[in-house]
Amino acid sequence: MKTKSTKYLFSIGLVSVILVGIFMIRRPNIENIKNQIAENNGYFAETPMIKEYDSLCKTEDEKGIFFPNKRVTYAKLTQNDFWKKSEILKGHELTELLEFLNDSSSYQWGELGTPEIHYYLTYFDQNDHCIGLTTIDLEGMAYSYPMTARMKWGMLKEMKLIDELIFE
């Protein structure tokens, strides 16, 4: 009797370890993505403070700097959910998303604290080089890399567009 229960517990443990391993492999490695982005971008803004915000935005407008600072061909949306497959965003959806993220009125000052990332949007150019990353949690914290001044501190005023893209 003891042997059967030991085998049963061992089997459950093994299956659990395998499932956790698969889940961890599916999640994007943010540091690797940021290293790829750094190789493919030349502009990285400092996190703007309120007193510098207007002048930094003006400089970005004058120089034509927008997130992610290169022509984006497509974005890959990955949810922090084992059962969800990554989706590719192109065309109108991608254009709408980038306009939203580059609009300073989409953000408010401040943040909620440490975000628990639920969505990863990874941006690619025509050569499939990773050129940008946005991470978003359910509360509306959005951190993009490379960041522009227009993104303030990353707290989105509303999640309506993001929810539409994710739940279509």
C-alpha atoms as a PDB file:
ATOM      1  CA  MET A   1       0.000   0.000   0.000  1.00  0.00           C
ATOM      2  CA  LYS A   2       2.786   2.387   0.897  1.00  0.00           C
ATOM      3  CA  THR A   3       4.522   1.787  -2.458  1.00  0.00           C
ATOM      4  CA  LYS A   4       1.407   2.690  -4.490  1.00  0.00           C
ATOM      5  CA  SER A   5       0.896   5.964  -2.645  1.00  0.00           C
ATOM      6  CA  THR A   6       4.594   6.825  -3.023  1.00  0.00           C
ATOM      7  CA  LYS A   7       4.417   6.165  -6.788  1.00  0.00           C
ATOM      8  CA  TYR A   8       1.220   8.212  -6.979  1.00  0.00           C
ATOM      9  CA  LEU A   9       2.763  11.191  -5.152  1.00  0.00           C
ATOM     10  CA  PHE A  10       5.931  10.913  -7.229  1.00  0.00           C
ATOM     11  CA  SER A  11       3.862  10.949 -10.447  1.00  0.00           C
ATOM     12  CA  ILE A  12       1.922  14.008  -9.337  1.00  0.00           C
ATOM     13  CA  GLY A  13       5.144  15.776  -8.382  1.00  0.00           C
ATOM     14  CA  LEU A  14       6.779  14.940 -11.717  1.00  0.00           C
ATOM     15  CA  VAL A  15       3.797  16.172 -13.714  1.00  0.00           C
ATOM     16  CA  SER A  16       3.716  19.377 -11.637  1.00  0.00           C
ATOM     17  CA  VAL A  17       7.414  20.059 -12.244  1.00  0.00           C
ATOM     18  CA  ILE A  18       6.984  19.498 -15.991  1.00  0.00           C
ATOM     19  CA  LEU A  19       3.961  21.853 -16.168  1.00  0.00           C
ATOM     20  CA  VAL A  20       5.761  24.584 -14.215  1.00  0.00           C
ATOM     21  CA  GLY A  21       8.791  24.169 -16.492  1.00  0.00           C
ATOM     22  CA  ILE A  22       6.674  24.540 -19.626  1.00  0.00           C
ATOM     23  CA  PHE A  23       4.958  27.614 -18.167  1.00  0.00           C
ATOM     24  CA  MET A  24       8.316  29.244 -17.375  1.00  0.00           C
ATOM     25  CA  ILE A  25       9.651  28.523 -20.871  1.00  0.00           C
ATOM     26  CA  ARG A  26       6.610  30.148 -22.514  1.00  0.00           C
ATOM     27  CA  ARG A  27       7.038  33.444 -20.649  1.00  0.00           C
ATOM     28  CA  PRO A  28       9.190  35.969 -22.508  1.00  0.00           C
ATOM     29  CA  ASN A  29      12.588  36.638 -20.951  1.00  0.00           C
ATOM     30  CA  ILE A  30      12.476  40.416 -20.476  1.00  0.00           C
ATOM     31  CA  GLU A  31      16.238  40.872 -20.094  1.00  0.00           C
ATOM     32  CA  ASN A  32      16.959  39.041 -23.363  1.00  0.00           C
ATOM     33  CA  ILE A  33      14.304  41.103 -25.129  1.00  0.00           C
ATOM     34  CA  LYS A  34      15.737  44.358 -23.734  1.00  0.00           C
ATOM     35  CA  ASN A  35      19.225  43.369 -24.934  1.00  0.00           C
ATOM     36  CA  GLN A  36      17.872  42.741 -28.445  1.00  0.00           C
ATOM     37  CA  ILE A  37      16.062  46.081 -28.401  1.00  0.00           C
ATOM     38  CA  ALA A  38      19.226  47.902 -27.302  1.00  0.00           C
ATOM     39  CA  GLU A  39      21.050  46.448 -30.311  1.00  0.00           C
ATOM     40  CA  ASN A  40      18.325  47.716 -32.673  1.00  0.00           C
ATOM     41  CA  ASN A  41      17.576  51.197 -31.228  1.00  0.00           C
ATOM     42  CA  GLY A  42      19.569  54.330 -30.626  1.00  0.00           C
ATOM     43  CA  TYR A  43      17.174  56.459 -28.539  1.00  0.00           C
ATOM     44  CA  PHE A  44      16.478  55.843 -24.868  1.00  0.00           C
ATOM     45  CA  ALA A  45      14.697  58.562 -22.887  1.00  0.00           C
ATOM     46  CA  GLU A  46      15.150  59.205 -19.218  1.00  0.00           C
ATOM     47  CA  THR A  47      12.049  58.744 -17.104  1.00  0.00           C
ATOM     48  CA  PRO A  48      10.521  62.234 -17.272  1.00  0.00           C
ATOM     49  CA  MET A  49       9.759  64.224 -14.169  1.00  0.00           C
ATOM     50  CA  ILE A  50       6.872  66.697 -14.251  1.00  0.00           C
ATOM     51  CA  LYS A  51       9.116  69.785 -14.529  1.00  0.00           C
ATOM     52  CA  GLU A  52      11.060  68.332 -17.517  1.00  0.00           C
ATOM     53  CA  TYR A  53       8.102  66.731 -19.241  1.00  0.00           C
ATOM     54  CA  ASP A  54       7.120  69.501 -21.681  1.00  0.00           C
ATOM     55  CA  SER A  55      10.657  70.140 -22.905  1.00  0.00           C
ATOM     56  CA  LEU A  56      11.345  66.412 -23.402  1.00  0.00           C
ATOM     57  CA  CYS A  57       8.114  65.958 -25.370  1.00  0.00           C
ATOM     58  CA  LYS A  58       8.968  68.995 -27.504  1.00  0.00           C
ATOM     59  CA  THR A  59      12.400  67.552 -28.272  1.00  0.00           C
ATOM     60  CA  GLU A  60      10.883  64.206 -29.248  1.00  0.00           C
ATOM     61  CA  ASP A  61       8.336  65.945 -31.503  1.00  0.00           C
ATOM     62  CA  GLU A  62      11.052  68.025 -33.184  1.00  0.00           C
ATOM     63  CA  LYS A  63      13.222  64.972 -33.807  1.00  0.00           C
ATOM     64  CA  GLY A  64      10.306  62.721 -34.846  1.00  0.00           C
ATOM     65  CA  ILE A  65      10.927  60.249 -32.040  1.00  0.00           C
ATOM     66  CA  PHE A  66       8.115  57.829 -31.323  1.00  0.00           C
ATOM     67  CA  PHE A  67       7.922  54.484 -29.600  1.00  0.00           C
ATOM     68  CA  PRO A  68       9.492  52.091 -30.574  1.00  0.00           C
ATOM     69  CA  ASN A  69      11.502  54.470 -32.764  1.00  0.00           C
ATOM     70  CA  LYS A  70      11.525  52.374 -35.959  1.00  0.00           C
ATOM     71  CA  ARG A  71       9.018  51.101 -38.453  1.00  0.00           C
ATOM     72  CA  VAL A  72       7.066  48.289 -36.805  1.00  0.00           C
ATOM     73  CA  THR A  73       5.922  45.470 -39.073  1.00  0.00           C
ATOM     74  CA  TYR A  74       4.096  43.428 -36.459  1.00  0.00           C
ATOM     75  CA  ALA A  75       3.736  42.875 -32.732  1.00  0.00           C
ATOM     76  CA  LYS A  76       3.428  39.619 -30.852  1.00  0.00           C
ATOM     77  CA  LEU A  77       0.958  39.615 -27.955  1.00  0.00           C
ATOM     78  CA  THR A  78       1.785  37.016 -25.322  1.00  0.00           C
ATOM     79  CA  GLN A  79      -0.459  36.564 -22.303  1.00  0.00           C
ATOM     80  CA  ASN A  80       0.900  35.387 -18.982  1.00  0.00           C
ATOM     81  CA  ASP A  81      -1.381  32.384 -19.210  1.00  0.00           C
ATOM     82  CA  PHE A  82      -0.171  28.856 -19.934  1.00  0.00           C
ATOM     83  CA  TRP A  83      -3.189  27.975 -22.088  1.00  0.00           C
ATOM     84  CA  LYS A  84      -3.125  31.042 -24.364  1.00  0.00           C
ATOM     85  CA  LYS A  85      -1.167  31.104 -27.611  1.00  0.00           C
ATOM     86  CA  SER A  86       0.690  34.217 -28.696  1.00  0.00           C
ATOM     87  CA  GLU A  87      -1.147  36.325 -31.250  1.00  0.00           C
ATOM     88  CA  ILE A  88       0.251  38.527 -34.002  1.00  0.00           C
ATOM     89  CA  LEU A  89      -1.005  42.121 -34.314  1.00  0.00           C
ATOM     90  CA  LYS A  90      -0.693  43.859 -37.695  1.00  0.00           C
ATOM     91  CA  GLY A  91      -2.392  46.539 -39.723  1.00  0.00           C
ATOM     92  CA  HIS A  92      -5.109  48.672 -38.139  1.00  0.00           C
ATOM     93  CA  GLU A  93      -4.883  47.028 -34.697  1.00  0.00           C
ATOM     94  CA  LEU A  94      -1.138  47.660 -34.517  1.00  0.00           C
ATOM     95  CA  THR A  95      -1.470  51.247 -35.757  1.00  0.00           C
ATOM     96  CA  GLU A  96      -4.183  51.969 -33.192  1.00  0.00           C
ATOM     97  CA  LEU A  97      -2.125  50.440 -30.375  1.00  0.00           C
ATOM     98  CA  LEU A  98       1.005  52.450 -31.245  1.00  0.00           C
ATOM     99  CA  GLU A  99      -0.987  55.695 -31.532  1.00  0.00           C
ATOM    100  CA  PHE A 100      -2.480  54.980 -28.104  1.00  0.00           C
ATOM    101  CA  LEU A 101       0.906  54.254 -26.491  1.00  0.00           C
ATOM    102  CA  ASN A 102       2.513  57.351 -28.074  1.00  0.00           C
ATOM    103  CA  ASP A 103      -0.270  59.693 -26.919  1.00  0.00           C
ATOM    104  CA  SER A 104       0.583  61.392 -23.629  1.00  0.00           C
ATOM    105  CA  SER A 105      -3.117  61.783 -22.838  1.00  0.00           C
ATOM    106  CA  SER A 106      -3.320  57.968 -22.523  1.00  0.00           C
ATOM    107  CA  TYR A 107      -1.261  58.151 -19.323  1.00  0.00           C
ATOM    108  CA  GLN A 108      -1.471  59.742 -15.918  1.00  0.00           C
ATOM    109  CA  TRP A 109       1.369  60.556 -13.542  1.00  0.00           C
ATOM    110  CA  GLY A 110       2.321  57.964 -11.007  1.00  0.00           C
ATOM    111  CA  GLU A 111       2.055  54.251 -10.673  1.00  0.00           C
ATOM    112  CA  LEU A 112       0.331  51.631  -8.545  1.00  0.00           C
ATOM    113  CA  GLY A 113       3.480  49.895  -7.378  1.00  0.00           C
ATOM    114  CA  THR A 114       5.148  46.754  -8.606  1.00  0.00           C
ATOM    115  CA  PRO A 115       3.131  45.442 -11.538  1.00  0.00           C
ATOM    116  CA  GLU A 116       2.267  41.783 -12.013  1.00  0.00           C
ATOM    117  CA  ILE A 117       2.743  41.459 -15.744  1.00  0.00           C
ATOM    118  CA  HIS A 118      -0.156  39.866 -17.596  1.00  0.00           C
ATOM    119  CA  TYR A 119       0.528  40.919 -21.192  1.00  0.00           C
ATOM    120  CA  TYR A 120       3.713  41.210 -23.213  1.00  0.00           C
ATOM    121  CA  LEU A 121       3.689  43.061 -26.524  1.00  0.00           C
ATOM    122  CA  THR A 122       6.928  42.547 -28.422  1.00  0.00           C
ATOM    123  CA  TYR A 123       7.456  44.684 -31.558  1.00  0.00           C
ATOM    124  CA  PHE A 124       9.398  43.594 -34.648  1.00  0.00           C
ATOM    125  CA  ASP A 125      10.674  45.326 -37.773  1.00  0.00           C
ATOM    126  CA  GLN A 126      10.582  43.977 -41.357  1.00  0.00           C
ATOM    127  CA  ASN A 127      13.751  41.926 -40.683  1.00  0.00           C
ATOM    128  CA  ASP A 128      12.182  40.258 -37.616  1.00  0.00           C
ATOM    129  CA  HIS A 129      14.486  42.206 -35.271  1.00  0.00           C
ATOM    130  CA  CYS A 130      12.971  42.889 -31.875  1.00  0.00           C
ATOM    131  CA  ILE A 131      12.719  46.692 -31.565  1.00  0.00           C
ATOM    132  CA  GLY A 132      10.367  47.268 -28.636  1.00  0.00           C
ATOM    133  CA  LEU A 133       8.528  45.797 -25.671  1.00  0.00           C
ATOM    134  CA  THR A 134       5.449  46.805 -23.695  1.00  0.00           C
ATOM    135  CA  THR A 135       4.432  44.976 -20.533  1.00  0.00           C
ATOM    136  CA  ILE A 136       0.974  45.576 -19.076  1.00  0.00           C
ATOM    137  CA  ASP A 137      -0.746  44.420 -15.908  1.00  0.00           C
ATOM    138  CA  LEU A 138      -4.480  44.193 -15.232  1.00  0.00           C
ATOM    139  CA  GLU A 139      -4.508  47.462 -13.270  1.00  0.00           C
ATOM    140  CA  GLY A 140      -3.220  49.497 -16.219  1.00  0.00           C
ATOM    141  CA  MET A 141       0.505  49.741 -15.522  1.00  0.00           C
ATOM    142  CA  ALA A 142       2.264  49.782 -18.900  1.00  0.00           C
ATOM    143  CA  TYR A 143       6.023  49.887 -19.205  1.00  0.00           C
ATOM    144  CA  SER A 144       7.523  50.205 -22.648  1.00  0.00           C
ATOM    145  CA  TYR A 145      11.117  49.837 -23.668  1.00  0.00           C
ATOM    146  CA  PRO A 146      12.590  51.957 -25.130  1.00  0.00           C
ATOM    147  CA  MET A 147      10.454  54.517 -23.353  1.00  0.00           C
ATOM    148  CA  THR A 148       9.627  57.983 -24.631  1.00  0.00           C
ATOM    149  CA  ALA A 149       8.839  61.009 -22.482  1.00  0.00           C
ATOM    150  CA  ARG A 150       5.200  60.943 -23.650  1.00  0.00           C
ATOM    151  CA  MET A 151       4.718  57.728 -21.697  1.00  0.00           C
ATOM    152  CA  LYS A 152       5.081  59.538 -18.372  1.00  0.00           C
ATOM    153  CA  TRP A 153       5.379  56.902 -15.639  1.00  0.00           C
ATOM    154  CA  GLY A 154       3.302  54.274 -17.302  1.00  0.00           C
ATOM    155  CA  MET A 155      -0.103  54.321 -15.599  1.00  0.00           C
ATOM    156  CA  LEU A 156      -2.722  54.071 -18.340  1.00  0.00           C
ATOM    157  CA  LYS A 157      -5.869  56.100 -17.806  1.00  0.00           C
ATOM    158  CA  GLU A 158      -7.985  53.320 -19.255  1.00  0.00           C
ATOM    159  CA  MET A 159      -7.554  49.765 -20.446  1.00  0.00           C
ATOM    160  CA  LYS A 160     -10.394  49.836 -23.006  1.00  0.00           C
ATOM    161  CA  LEU A 161      -8.203  49.605 -26.124  1.00  0.00           C
ATOM    162  CA  ILE A 162      -5.900  47.016 -24.584  1.00  0.00           C
ATOM    163  CA  ASP A 163      -8.890  44.903 -23.505  1.00  0.00           C
ATOM    164  CA  GLU A 164     -10.367  45.146 -27.027  1.00  0.00           C
ATOM    165  CA  LEU A 165      -7.133  43.911 -28.573  1.00  0.00           C
ATOM    166  CA  ILE A 166      -6.748  41.086 -26.100  1.00  0.00           C
ATOM    167  CA  PHE A 167     -10.315  39.849 -25.976  1.00  0.00           C
ATOM    168  CA  GLU A 168     -11.218  40.086 -29.683  1.00  0.00           C
END
